[in-house]
Amino acid sequence: MLAAAGVGGLAVAGLTLWSRPARAASANYYVDAAAGNDAADGTSTTRAWASLARVQAAISAGAVAAGSTIRLRRGRRYPGIIRSGSVGTLRFESWGDEPEPPTVSAYKYVQGEQCWTRAGDGLWSVDLSAGNLGRTHHGYVSSWTTEIGFLKVGTTFHGDRQTAVAALQRDWQFTSKGPVVTVRCAENPSVGGRRVWLAVAEPIVEGRSRLSVRDIAVLGTGRNAVQTGSTGRTEGFTISNCTIGEAGGGWASDGVSRMGNGVQVWSGASDVLVSGNSIVDCWDTAMTIQGPGVANAVTWSNIEFNGNTVERSMQTFEYWSTGVPVDGAGSTCSVRGNRASAAGSSWSAGIRPDRSGKGAHLLFYADGVRPQITVRGNVFSGASDAYVYANAGLPVGLTSDENTIALTSSTRLQWQRPERMAERAAWCAATGLERRSTFSAIP
């Protein structure tokens, strides 16, 4: 679905004389948002490109060979997206000695007070059309959408999105209609130099076959921060040692519910490794496998979420699938060695319509494919509603054990059942889960 998004970042659209390098071998390409030049060839630190738009143009033109590495200068912000296309083996990593990793982001930000137009008493609007880049806003320009999932001011997320301007009653409620965002605010939203970030509803990283992303911050989108493709199989995708999140608030396909995950592995994926990342501030879940079953094939094979840290999200791990199991094609997913705290503490918690029970570490819906899911050796601490939410019952192939689980005495172990910490032995016996896990009470 997203392959057609092509090259984002129209800020460099005037560079029409890019030449295709006459090389077929793999290479290192360098990008420096502060000191680079998109007219350079990108093949050394002194001839670095300046933007992800330049990178994506080179990939789309076939100028980046399989086996190449794209290196982003640390300490810089890169408006844009990562799409490896059909290159094959491709790596995105960092370079430089700055303490902060490079940040790839689908955020826009409003220039200043002069960029807002009064739209009524206490109402302000800004036109985010591509033609207004550099006049009303800076940042990422998508060729796919103008939808905004949430606003961010300082460290505060404002996600109370309404469908009509007339419904904007409280400060920082907003609408996103076409390219126009309208905000309720008692004063100009950018007063005093306040910077308003707007999260464009396009995934930042699309996990294609043989793509590796390492040591990069992937932050700021109105949809999923990272997702594998939905139009073809993903075979061999790795994302490791990254900071991932600030994700969600865009409309789902039904046009009613809102969505946004940290790392989403869609059906039709194999050999996916999500390891050593910090996943934060997701509308929904930090890590998930989901989607319709793949006919006559394995739906998920060797999907591993290992050693990640999860904070300020509604759930830690989610699974659902539709369809039926395929004989001899067992699907597998492993969730091991992760540390997750305060499920249900997402910025979406107070504004989402589906709040009941959703602040849970493990979230399960339909179990059509019946994959083998192993949840082992994790630390789950604190949840606003429950340890487990199982809408249609526990998945048939779920094994969860040898975890460390800390909850308050009043928190349910499973939202659909009555047991709390004091009744954990009865719950373990009834469900077959967590029999060798360690439980502790949070005061």
Protein backbone atom coordinates (compact mmCIF):
# COMPACT_ATOMS: atom_id res chain seq x y z
CA MET A 1 0.00 0.00 0.00
CA LEU A 2 2.81 2.40 0.87
CA ALA A 3 5.18 1.55 -1.95
CA ALA A 4 3.54 4.19 -4.08
CA ALA A 5 4.39 6.87 -1.54
CA GLY A 6 7.64 7.32 -3.44
CA VAL A 7 9.99 10.13 -2.49
CA GLY A 8 8.95 12.41 0.33
CA GLY A 9 10.34 15.82 1.20
CA LEU A 10 9.50 18.26 -1.56
CA ALA A 11 11.88 20.82 -0.07
CA VAL A 12 14.51 19.62 -2.54
CA ALA A 13 12.23 19.32 -5.54
CA GLY A 14 14.21 21.97 -7.40
CA LEU A 15 17.23 19.71 -7.70
CA THR A 16 16.33 18.18 -11.03
CA LEU A 17 19.81 17.46 -12.37
CA TRP A 18 20.75 14.57 -10.13
CA SER A 19 22.89 12.15 -12.10
CA ARG A 20 22.84 8.42 -11.62
CA PRO A 21 26.21 7.18 -10.35
CA ALA A 22 27.93 4.81 -12.74
CA ARG A 23 28.47 2.09 -10.20
CA ALA A 24 26.92 -1.32 -9.67
CA ALA A 25 28.83 -2.29 -6.53
CA SER A 26 27.59 -1.69 -3.02
CA ALA A 27 28.79 1.49 -1.32
CA ASN A 28 28.55 3.64 1.78
CA TYR A 29 26.45 6.78 1.41
CA TYR A 30 26.62 9.60 3.95
CA VAL A 31 23.93 12.10 4.88
CA ASP A 32 24.40 15.24 7.00
CA ALA A 33 21.39 17.50 7.45
CA ALA A 34 23.57 20.37 8.70
CA ALA A 35 26.59 20.29 6.39
CA GLY A 36 25.57 18.09 3.46
CA ASN A 37 24.65 19.02 -0.11
CA ASP A 38 22.10 17.16 -2.20
CA ALA A 39 24.08 18.03 -5.33
CA ALA A 40 27.04 15.99 -4.03
CA ASP A 41 27.48 12.28 -4.70
CA GLY A 42 27.08 11.22 -1.05
CA THR A 43 30.00 8.79 -1.11
CA SER A 44 32.11 10.30 1.69
CA THR A 45 31.70 12.35 4.84
CA THR A 46 32.98 15.42 2.98
CA ARG A 47 30.59 14.88 0.06
CA ALA A 48 27.54 13.93 2.10
CA TRP A 49 23.98 14.38 0.95
CA ALA A 50 21.75 16.66 3.01
CA SER A 51 18.34 14.98 3.04
CA LEU A 52 16.43 11.74 3.11
CA ALA A 53 14.57 12.97 0.06
CA ARG A 54 17.88 12.74 -1.83
CA VAL A 55 18.42 9.23 -0.48
CA GLN A 56 14.96 8.11 -1.52
CA ALA A 57 15.40 9.62 -4.98
CA ALA A 58 18.61 7.66 -5.46
CA ILE A 59 16.95 4.45 -4.31
CA SER A 60 13.97 4.99 -6.60
CA ALA A 61 16.30 5.69 -9.54
CA GLY A 62 18.18 2.43 -9.00
CA ALA A 63 21.38 4.28 -8.13
CA VAL A 64 21.86 2.52 -4.78
CA ALA A 65 23.07 -1.05 -5.19
CA ALA A 66 22.16 -4.02 -3.02
CA GLY A 67 24.51 -4.35 -0.06
CA SER A 68 24.90 -0.60 0.38
CA THR A 69 24.76 1.28 3.68
CA ILE A 70 23.12 4.66 4.20
CA ARG A 71 24.76 6.46 7.12
CA LEU A 72 22.97 9.39 8.79
CA ARG A 73 25.02 11.90 10.79
CA ARG A 74 24.29 11.69 14.50
CA GLY A 75 22.73 14.64 16.30
CA ARG A 76 20.75 15.73 13.23
CA ARG A 77 17.03 15.68 12.43
CA TYR A 78 15.95 14.25 9.07
CA PRO A 79 12.37 14.94 7.97
CA GLY A 80 11.32 11.98 5.88
CA ILE A 81 10.73 8.27 5.60
CA ILE A 82 12.76 5.13 4.97
CA ARG A 83 11.70 3.01 2.00
CA SER A 84 14.18 0.51 0.57
CA GLY A 85 12.09 -0.24 -2.52
CA SER A 86 13.36 -3.24 -4.46
CA VAL A 87 17.06 -2.68 -3.73
CA GLY A 88 17.44 -5.87 -1.71
CA THR A 89 20.01 -5.89 1.08
CA LEU A 90 20.24 -2.33 2.42
CA ARG A 91 21.32 -0.89 5.77
CA PHE A 92 20.47 2.40 7.45
CA GLU A 93 22.88 3.28 10.27
CA SER A 94 24.49 6.31 11.93
CA TRP A 95 27.88 7.98 11.76
CA GLY A 96 29.66 10.68 13.74
CA ASP A 97 30.48 11.13 17.42
CA GLU A 98 27.56 13.28 18.55
CA PRO A 99 25.86 11.87 21.68
CA GLU A 100 22.36 11.77 20.19
CA PRO A 101 21.37 9.41 17.35
CA PRO A 102 20.04 10.80 14.08
CA THR A 103 16.28 11.32 14.15
CA VAL A 104 14.09 10.36 11.20
CA SER A 105 10.69 11.94 11.59
CA ALA A 106 7.40 12.61 9.81
CA TYR A 107 6.80 15.71 11.91
CA LYS A 108 6.08 19.13 10.47
CA TYR A 109 6.40 22.25 12.59
CA VAL A 110 4.71 25.62 12.25
CA GLN A 111 7.07 28.52 11.53
CA GLY A 112 5.67 31.10 13.94
CA GLU A 113 2.72 33.21 15.01
CA GLN A 114 2.36 34.78 11.56
CA CYS A 115 1.62 31.38 10.01
CA TRP A 116 -1.68 30.91 11.83
CA THR A 117 -4.93 32.37 10.52
CA ARG A 118 -7.83 33.23 12.82
CA ALA A 119 -10.70 30.85 12.11
CA GLY A 120 -13.08 32.14 14.78
CA ASP A 121 -13.10 33.02 18.45
CA GLY A 122 -10.21 31.06 19.95
CA LEU A 123 -9.73 29.11 16.73
CA TRP A 124 -6.58 29.08 14.60
CA SER A 125 -5.86 27.34 11.32
CA VAL A 126 -2.75 26.61 9.27
CA ASP A 127 -2.54 25.39 5.68
CA LEU A 128 0.02 22.60 5.37
CA SER A 129 -0.14 22.27 1.58
CA ALA A 130 3.16 21.33 -0.03
CA GLY A 131 3.23 24.71 -1.75
CA ASN A 132 3.38 26.38 1.66
CA LEU A 133 6.54 24.58 2.74
CA GLY A 134 8.92 27.24 4.00
CA ARG A 135 6.09 29.75 4.44
CA THR A 136 3.74 28.26 7.01
CA HIS A 137 5.68 25.19 8.04
CA HIS A 138 8.88 23.17 7.82
CA GLY A 139 9.49 19.45 8.04
CA TYR A 140 8.24 16.40 6.22
CA VAL A 141 6.04 16.71 3.14
CA SER A 142 4.31 13.47 2.24
CA SER A 143 3.33 12.63 -1.31
CA TRP A 144 0.73 10.30 0.19
CA THR A 145 -1.26 12.24 2.79
CA THR A 146 -1.77 15.57 4.57
CA GLU A 147 -3.52 13.98 7.56
CA ILE A 148 -2.21 14.89 11.02
CA GLY A 149 -2.53 12.38 13.87
CA PHE A 150 -1.58 14.57 16.84
CA LEU A 151 0.13 17.79 17.90
CA LYS A 152 3.13 18.06 20.18
CA VAL A 153 4.14 21.17 22.10
CA GLY A 154 7.28 20.83 24.18
CA THR A 155 6.97 17.38 25.71
CA THR A 156 3.16 17.40 25.75
CA PHE A 157 1.11 15.40 23.24
CA HIS A 158 -2.22 16.84 22.15
CA GLY A 159 -4.22 14.09 20.49
CA ASP A 160 -7.82 15.14 21.13
CA ARG A 161 -8.85 15.17 17.50
CA GLN A 162 -12.39 16.04 16.46
CA THR A 163 -14.23 15.53 13.19
CA ALA A 164 -15.74 19.04 12.98
CA VAL A 165 -14.53 22.52 13.90
CA ALA A 166 -17.78 23.11 15.82
CA ALA A 167 -16.75 20.32 18.21
CA LEU A 168 -13.56 22.10 19.30
CA GLN A 169 -14.41 23.15 22.86
CA ARG A 170 -11.16 22.79 24.83
CA ASP A 171 -7.66 24.14 24.27
CA TRP A 172 -5.56 22.04 21.89
CA GLN A 173 -8.44 20.06 20.47
CA PHE A 174 -7.96 20.06 16.71
CA THR A 175 -9.28 18.96 13.34
CA SER A 176 -7.29 17.74 10.35
CA LYS A 177 -9.24 18.23 7.12
CA GLY A 178 -7.29 17.95 3.89
CA PRO A 179 -4.22 20.19 4.27
CA VAL A 180 -5.83 22.45 6.90
CA VAL A 181 -5.37 21.94 10.64
CA THR A 182 -7.61 23.97 12.94
CA VAL A 183 -6.78 24.26 16.64
CA ARG A 184 -8.72 25.57 19.63
CA CYS A 185 -6.36 27.77 21.63
CA ALA A 186 -6.98 30.83 23.80
CA GLU A 187 -3.92 32.49 22.28
CA ASN A 188 -1.96 32.05 19.08
CA PRO A 189 -0.59 28.48 19.24
CA SER A 190 2.93 29.69 18.43
CA VAL A 191 2.93 32.68 20.80
CA GLY A 192 6.29 33.49 22.34
CA GLY A 193 8.19 31.29 19.92
CA ARG A 194 6.38 28.14 21.01
CA ARG A 195 7.01 25.41 18.45
CA VAL A 196 4.02 23.30 17.43
CA TRP A 197 4.88 19.92 15.93
CA LEU A 198 2.32 18.12 13.76
CA ALA A 199 2.61 14.38 13.15
CA VAL A 200 1.96 13.47 9.50
CA ALA A 201 0.01 10.21 9.24
CA GLU A 202 2.52 8.19 7.22
CA PRO A 203 4.64 5.33 8.61
CA ILE A 204 8.29 6.30 8.95
CA VAL A 205 9.93 2.94 8.23
CA GLU A 206 8.50 0.29 5.93
CA GLY A 207 10.22 -2.98 6.73
CA ARG A 208 11.00 -4.61 3.40
CA SER A 209 12.96 -7.78 2.71
CA ARG A 210 16.65 -7.63 3.66
CA LEU A 211 16.40 -4.12 5.15
CA SER A 212 18.28 -3.36 8.37
CA VAL A 213 17.82 -0.19 10.45
CA ARG A 214 20.16 0.37 13.40
CA ASP A 215 20.98 3.14 15.90
CA ILE A 216 18.44 5.68 14.62
CA ALA A 217 15.59 7.49 16.39
CA VAL A 218 12.35 6.87 14.50
CA LEU A 219 9.96 9.37 16.08
CA GLY A 220 6.90 11.38 15.10
CA THR A 221 4.12 10.01 12.91
CA GLY A 222 0.34 9.90 12.90
CA ARG A 223 0.39 6.18 12.02
CA ASN A 224 2.72 3.28 12.82
CA ALA A 225 6.34 4.23 13.38
CA VAL A 226 7.59 0.99 11.80
CA GLN A 227 5.60 -1.53 9.79
CA THR A 228 6.32 -4.37 7.41
CA GLY A 229 4.70 -4.18 3.99
CA SER A 230 1.15 -5.31 3.34
CA THR A 231 1.39 -5.85 -0.43
CA GLY A 232 4.04 -8.58 -0.49
CA ARG A 233 6.04 -10.86 1.77
CA THR A 234 8.76 -9.41 3.98
CA GLU A 235 11.64 -11.87 4.32
CA GLY A 236 14.46 -10.76 6.56
CA PHE A 237 13.95 -7.36 8.24
CA THR A 238 15.86 -6.11 11.29
CA ILE A 239 15.46 -3.01 13.42
CA SER A 240 17.79 -2.77 16.40
CA ASN A 241 19.14 -0.31 18.96
CA CYS A 242 16.70 2.37 17.83
CA THR A 243 14.34 4.70 19.67
CA ILE A 244 10.88 4.19 18.17
CA GLY A 245 7.57 5.89 18.83
CA GLU A 246 5.66 9.14 19.23
CA ALA A 247 3.21 7.38 16.97
CA GLY A 248 -0.48 7.30 16.15
CA GLY A 249 -3.73 9.21 16.04
CA GLY A 250 -4.46 8.76 12.34
CA TRP A 251 -7.72 7.25 11.18
CA ALA A 252 -7.80 3.51 10.65
CA SER A 253 -9.28 2.08 7.46
CA ASP A 254 -12.80 2.19 8.91
CA GLY A 255 -12.59 5.99 9.14
CA VAL A 256 -13.85 5.87 12.72
CA SER A 257 -11.22 4.33 14.99
CA ARG A 258 -7.70 5.69 15.37
CA MET A 259 -4.49 3.73 15.34
CA GLY A 260 -0.73 3.81 15.75
CA ASN A 261 1.77 1.15 16.84
CA GLY A 262 5.49 1.19 17.48
CA VAL A 263 6.50 -1.84 15.39
CA GLN A 264 3.81 -3.67 13.43
CA VAL A 265 4.64 -6.94 11.67
CA TRP A 266 1.90 -7.60 9.14
CA SER A 267 0.98 -11.07 7.96
CA GLY A 268 3.25 -12.57 5.32
CA ALA A 269 6.52 -11.89 7.17
CA SER A 270 9.43 -14.14 8.07
CA ASP A 271 12.78 -13.74 9.81
CA VAL A 272 11.97 -10.40 11.42
CA LEU A 273 14.11 -9.27 14.36
CA VAL A 274 13.10 -6.34 16.58
CA SER A 275 15.89 -6.12 19.15
CA GLY A 276 17.32 -3.74 21.73
CA ASN A 277 15.02 -0.84 20.92
CA SER A 278 13.37 1.70 23.19
CA ILE A 279 9.70 1.97 22.17
CA VAL A 280 7.78 4.92 23.60
CA ASP A 281 4.61 7.01 23.39
CA CYS A 282 2.45 4.87 21.11
CA TRP A 283 -1.28 5.42 20.64
CA ASP A 284 -1.79 1.65 20.74
CA THR A 285 0.78 -1.09 21.22
CA ALA A 286 4.56 -1.11 21.19
CA MET A 287 4.97 -4.42 19.31
CA THR A 288 2.46 -6.44 17.32
CA ILE A 289 1.89 -9.18 14.77
CA GLN A 290 -1.44 -8.88 13.00
CA GLY A 291 -3.32 -9.37 9.75
CA PRO A 292 -5.20 -11.90 7.63
CA GLY A 293 -3.87 -15.41 7.23
CA VAL A 294 -1.80 -16.11 4.12
CA ALA A 295 -3.37 -18.78 1.89
CA ASN A 296 -1.37 -22.01 1.60
CA ALA A 297 1.68 -20.54 3.32
CA VAL A 298 3.14 -19.63 6.70
CA THR A 299 1.64 -16.36 7.89
CA TRP A 300 4.48 -15.50 10.29
CA SER A 301 7.77 -17.36 10.56
CA ASN A 302 10.51 -16.61 13.06
CA ILE A 303 9.28 -13.22 14.26
CA GLU A 304 11.33 -12.18 17.28
CA PHE A 305 10.85 -9.25 19.67
CA ASN A 306 13.88 -9.43 21.92
CA GLY A 307 15.44 -7.17 24.56
CA ASN A 308 13.32 -4.09 23.94
CA THR A 309 12.24 -1.49 26.50
CA VAL A 310 8.64 -0.22 26.39
CA GLU A 311 7.31 2.90 28.10
CA ARG A 312 4.21 5.09 27.89
CA SER A 313 2.19 2.91 25.54
CA MET A 314 -1.26 1.31 25.90
CA GLN A 315 0.01 -2.23 25.42
CA THR A 316 3.34 -4.02 25.19
CA PHE A 317 2.45 -6.78 22.70
CA GLU A 318 -0.65 -7.37 20.56
CA TYR A 319 -1.70 -10.22 18.31
CA TRP A 320 -4.70 -10.87 16.08
CA SER A 321 -5.33 -12.74 12.86
CA THR A 322 -8.22 -13.72 10.64
CA GLY A 323 -8.53 -16.78 8.42
CA VAL A 324 -7.77 -20.39 9.28
CA PRO A 325 -4.65 -22.39 10.14
CA VAL A 326 -2.78 -24.00 7.23
CA ASP A 327 -1.80 -27.64 7.70
CA GLY A 328 1.96 -28.06 7.93
CA ALA A 329 2.56 -24.30 7.94
CA GLY A 330 2.96 -23.40 11.60
CA SER A 331 3.52 -19.72 12.35
CA THR A 332 5.96 -18.68 15.09
CA CYS A 333 6.56 -15.55 17.13
CA SER A 334 8.80 -15.00 20.16
CA VAL A 335 8.57 -12.22 22.75
CA ARG A 336 11.61 -12.60 25.02
CA GLY A 337 13.73 -10.55 27.38
CA ASN A 338 11.77 -7.32 27.05
CA ARG A 339 11.16 -4.79 29.84
CA ALA A 340 7.84 -2.95 29.86
CA SER A 341 6.42 -0.52 32.38
CA ALA A 342 3.07 1.18 33.00
CA ALA A 343 0.85 -0.30 30.32
CA GLY A 344 -2.03 2.08 29.73
CA SER A 345 0.04 5.24 30.27
CA SER A 346 -0.03 6.33 26.60
CA TRP A 347 -0.92 9.89 25.66
CA SER A 348 -4.03 8.34 24.10
CA ALA A 349 -5.33 6.91 27.39
CA GLY A 350 -7.65 9.78 28.27
CA ILE A 351 -9.03 10.48 24.80
CA ARG A 352 -9.46 7.14 23.07
CA PRO A 353 -13.04 5.87 22.81
CA ASP A 354 -12.07 2.22 23.45
CA ARG A 355 -10.51 2.62 26.90
CA SER A 356 -12.11 -0.21 28.84
CA GLY A 357 -9.50 -2.82 29.72
CA LYS A 358 -7.03 -1.70 27.06
CA GLY A 359 -4.24 -0.70 29.44
CA ALA A 360 -2.70 -4.19 29.39
CA HIS A 361 0.70 -5.68 28.62
CA LEU A 362 -0.65 -8.49 26.42
CA LEU A 363 -3.58 -7.80 24.08
CA PHE A 364 -5.29 -10.51 22.02
CA TYR A 365 -8.18 -10.47 19.57
CA ALA A 366 -9.15 -13.04 16.91
CA ASP A 367 -6.95 -16.13 16.62
CA GLY A 368 -7.67 -17.40 13.11
CA VAL A 369 -4.16 -18.50 12.13
CA ARG A 370 -3.27 -19.94 15.56
CA PRO A 371 0.47 -19.19 15.55
CA GLN A 372 2.83 -20.49 18.22
CA ILE A 373 3.53 -17.42 20.37
CA THR A 374 6.14 -17.69 23.12
CA VAL A 375 6.29 -14.98 25.79
CA ARG A 376 9.20 -15.76 28.11
CA GLY A 377 11.77 -14.02 30.29
CA ASN A 378 10.15 -10.58 30.17
CA VAL A 379 9.63 -8.00 32.92
CA PHE A 380 6.12 -6.51 32.97
CA SER A 381 5.62 -3.80 35.58
CA GLY A 382 2.40 -1.91 36.22
CA ALA A 383 -0.78 -1.73 34.15
CA SER A 384 -3.76 0.57 34.39
CA ASP A 385 -6.30 -2.19 33.71
CA ALA A 386 -4.91 -5.72 33.48
CA TYR A 387 -1.92 -7.88 32.68
CA VAL A 388 -3.79 -9.59 29.82
CA TYR A 389 -6.71 -8.50 27.64
CA ALA A 390 -8.12 -11.40 25.61
CA ASN A 391 -11.18 -10.26 23.69
CA ALA A 392 -11.93 -13.63 22.05
CA GLY A 393 -10.16 -15.82 24.58
CA LEU A 394 -6.50 -16.69 24.90
CA PRO A 395 -4.72 -17.70 21.67
CA VAL A 396 -4.54 -21.47 21.25
CA GLY A 397 -0.80 -21.43 20.57
CA LEU A 398 0.18 -19.06 23.40
CA THR A 399 2.91 -20.09 25.85
CA SER A 400 3.70 -17.47 28.48
CA ASP A 401 5.97 -18.34 31.40
CA GLU A 402 9.12 -17.46 33.37
CA ASN A 403 8.23 -13.78 33.28
CA THR A 404 8.45 -11.22 36.09
CA ILE A 405 5.07 -9.56 36.65
CA ALA A 406 4.46 -6.66 39.05
CA LEU A 407 0.95 -5.28 39.52
CA THR A 408 -1.06 -3.50 42.18
CA SER A 409 -3.31 -5.67 44.31
CA SER A 410 -6.41 -4.30 42.56
CA THR A 411 -5.24 -4.89 38.98
CA ARG A 412 -6.85 -7.82 37.20
CA LEU A 413 -4.60 -10.51 35.81
CA GLN A 414 -6.95 -10.88 32.85
CA TRP A 415 -9.54 -8.24 32.03
CA GLN A 416 -12.23 -10.80 31.22
CA ARG A 417 -11.71 -12.70 34.51
CA PRO A 418 -12.06 -11.67 38.17
CA GLU A 419 -8.69 -12.80 39.60
CA ARG A 420 -6.26 -10.27 41.07
CA MET A 421 -2.78 -10.81 42.50
CA ALA A 422 -4.10 -12.60 45.57
CA GLU A 423 -5.79 -15.16 43.30
CA ARG A 424 -2.86 -15.62 40.91
CA ALA A 425 -2.53 -19.34 41.64
CA ALA A 426 -6.14 -19.92 40.61
CA TRP A 427 -5.67 -17.85 37.46
CA CYS A 428 -2.50 -19.71 36.48
CA ALA A 429 -4.24 -23.03 37.01
CA ALA A 430 -7.29 -21.97 34.99
CA THR A 431 -5.36 -20.51 32.04
CA GLY A 432 -2.16 -22.58 32.02
CA LEU A 433 -0.13 -19.37 31.86
CA GLU A 434 2.71 -18.04 34.04
CA ARG A 435 3.04 -21.13 36.24
CA ARG A 436 6.77 -20.52 36.77
CA SER A 437 6.62 -16.74 36.57
CA THR A 438 7.50 -14.44 39.46
CA PHE A 439 4.72 -12.18 40.74
CA SER A 440 5.13 -9.18 43.01
CA ALA A 441 2.80 -6.50 44.32
CA ILE A 442 3.22 -2.81 43.57
CA PRO A 443 2.19 -0.68 46.57
